[in-house]
Protein backbone atom coordinates (compact mmCIF):
# COMPACT_ATOMS: atom_id res chain seq x y z
CA MET A 1 0.08 -0.07 0.03
CA ASP A 2 1.20 3.38 -0.92
CA GLU A 3 2.45 5.96 1.61
CA LYS A 4 -0.25 8.55 0.86
CA ARG A 5 -2.92 6.16 1.08
CA ILE A 6 -1.82 4.75 4.62
CA GLN A 7 -1.35 8.35 5.91
CA ARG A 8 -4.89 9.14 4.79
CA ILE A 9 -6.16 5.92 6.70
CA GLN A 10 -4.37 7.18 9.80
CA ASN A 11 -5.72 10.47 9.89
CA THR A 12 -9.16 9.34 9.16
CA ILE A 13 -8.71 6.87 12.36
CA GLN A 14 -7.29 9.45 14.13
CA ASN A 15 -10.14 11.54 13.68
CA GLU A 16 -13.01 9.51 13.57
CA LEU A 17 -11.67 8.09 17.01
CA GLY A 18 -11.27 11.57 18.99
CA ARG A 19 -14.84 11.93 17.99
CA ILE A 20 -16.12 8.55 19.22
CA ILE A 21 -13.98 9.21 22.53
CA GLN A 22 -15.51 12.74 23.04
CA GLU A 23 -19.18 11.58 21.91
CA GLU A 24 -19.69 7.89 23.22
CA PHE A 25 -16.79 7.21 25.42
CA ASP A 26 -17.51 7.24 29.14
CA ILE A 27 -14.35 9.04 30.15
CA PRO A 28 -13.19 10.09 33.95
CA PRO A 29 -14.87 13.73 34.46
CA LYS A 30 -12.65 16.83 34.12
CA THR A 31 -10.25 14.66 31.89
CA LEU A 32 -9.08 15.37 28.41
CA ILE A 33 -7.88 12.98 26.16
CA SER A 34 -6.28 14.04 22.68
CA ILE A 35 -5.08 11.41 19.87
CA THR A 36 -1.53 12.63 19.16
CA LYS A 37 -0.78 9.74 16.76
CA VAL A 38 -2.03 6.74 14.84
CA GLU A 39 0.25 4.20 13.34
CA ILE A 40 -0.78 1.13 11.28
CA SER A 41 0.89 -1.94 10.57
CA PRO A 42 2.02 -2.94 7.12
CA ASP A 43 -0.64 -5.54 7.23
CA LYS A 44 -3.42 -3.41 8.78
CA GLN A 45 -4.08 -5.51 11.16
CA ASN A 46 -3.10 -3.33 14.17
CA ALA A 47 -3.06 0.40 15.05
CA ASN A 48 -0.95 1.66 17.78
CA ILE A 49 -3.11 5.28 18.96
CA TYR A 50 -0.81 7.62 21.05
CA VAL A 51 -2.61 9.37 23.68
CA SER A 52 -1.91 12.48 25.45
CA ILE A 53 -3.99 12.76 28.87
CA PHE A 54 -4.80 15.84 31.31
CA PRO A 55 -4.48 16.28 33.76
CA ASP A 56 -1.72 13.68 34.43
CA GLU A 57 -2.85 12.02 37.56
CA LYS A 58 -5.39 10.55 35.54
CA ARG A 59 -3.27 9.26 33.05
CA ASP A 60 -3.06 5.28 34.44
CA HIS A 61 -6.98 5.13 34.83
CA THR A 62 -7.48 6.60 31.34
CA ILE A 63 -5.12 4.26 29.51
CA ASP A 64 -6.79 1.20 31.34
CA LEU A 65 -10.18 2.64 30.49
CA LEU A 66 -8.97 2.77 26.93
CA LYS A 67 -7.36 -0.72 26.67
CA LYS A 68 -10.54 -2.24 28.20
CA GLY A 69 -12.71 -0.31 25.79
CA ALA A 70 -10.59 -1.03 22.39
CA GLY A 71 -13.36 -3.25 21.18
CA TYR A 72 -16.18 -0.95 22.17
CA LEU A 73 -14.23 1.80 20.02
CA LYS A 74 -13.46 -0.62 17.29
CA SER A 75 -17.13 -1.24 16.58
CA PHE A 76 -18.08 2.32 16.34
CA LEU A 77 -15.00 2.90 13.91
CA GLU A 78 -16.54 -0.14 11.94
CA LYS A 79 -20.01 1.74 11.60
CA ARG A 80 -17.55 5.38 10.67
CA ILE A 81 -15.29 3.64 8.26
CA ARG A 82 -14.98 2.17 5.25
CA MET A 83 -12.44 0.03 5.64
CA HIS A 84 -12.48 -3.56 5.99
CA PRO A 85 -10.52 -5.05 8.36
CA ILE A 86 -10.64 -2.20 11.31
CA PRO A 87 -7.32 -2.70 12.72
CA LYS A 88 -7.31 -4.07 16.38
CA LEU A 89 -6.47 -0.84 18.27
CA HIS A 90 -3.68 -0.73 21.25
CA PHE A 91 -3.30 2.30 23.06
CA THR A 92 -0.31 4.02 24.60
CA TYR A 93 0.67 7.03 26.49
CA ASP A 94 2.38 9.77 24.35
CA LYS A 95 4.84 11.38 26.96
CA THR A 96 5.97 13.57 24.50
CA ILE A 97 3.51 16.67 25.28
CA ALA A 98 3.97 16.11 29.13
CA GLN A 99 8.06 16.44 28.85
CA THR A 100 7.46 19.30 26.53
CA SER A 101 5.50 20.91 29.22
CA ARG A 102 8.19 20.22 31.59
CA VAL A 103 10.85 21.33 29.91
CA TYR A 104 8.90 25.08 29.16
CA ALA A 105 8.57 25.18 32.99
CA LEU A 106 12.04 24.62 33.76
CA MET A 107 13.01 27.08 31.14
CA LYS A 108 10.53 29.35 32.40
CA HIS A 109 11.89 28.96 36.19
CA ARG A 110 15.35 29.41 34.99
CA ASP A 111 14.52 32.80 33.24
CA THR A 112 12.75 34.03 36.39
CA LYS A 113 15.88 33.31 38.36
CA LYS A 114 18.09 35.14 36.04
CA SER A 115 15.82 38.05 35.64
CA ASN A 116 15.49 38.37 39.44
CA ALA A 117 19.73 38.05 39.89
């Protein structure tokens, strides 16, 4: 399968799954889930779904809910996307955003200390 088609499928899954999670999935109150990336295996049987979760304290519980609900979420994707088969969904926490926030906070703290010196 060509690269453009794979990218299009990944984008479609990312967009639709984001909508399904917001509209149909029971997420913990005051929790924000963002799908940051989707990677489909070459055989289209598996999809790694990378998510960021805010606040960080709800990360483990929310990832567990997503993993347990993967079949439920896949069934909604099957209704919304014309693709056969819909890949098996594997959810992974994406540390990138949290790490970027921490680096930014450290830089801000450093700059504040310099300006007060």
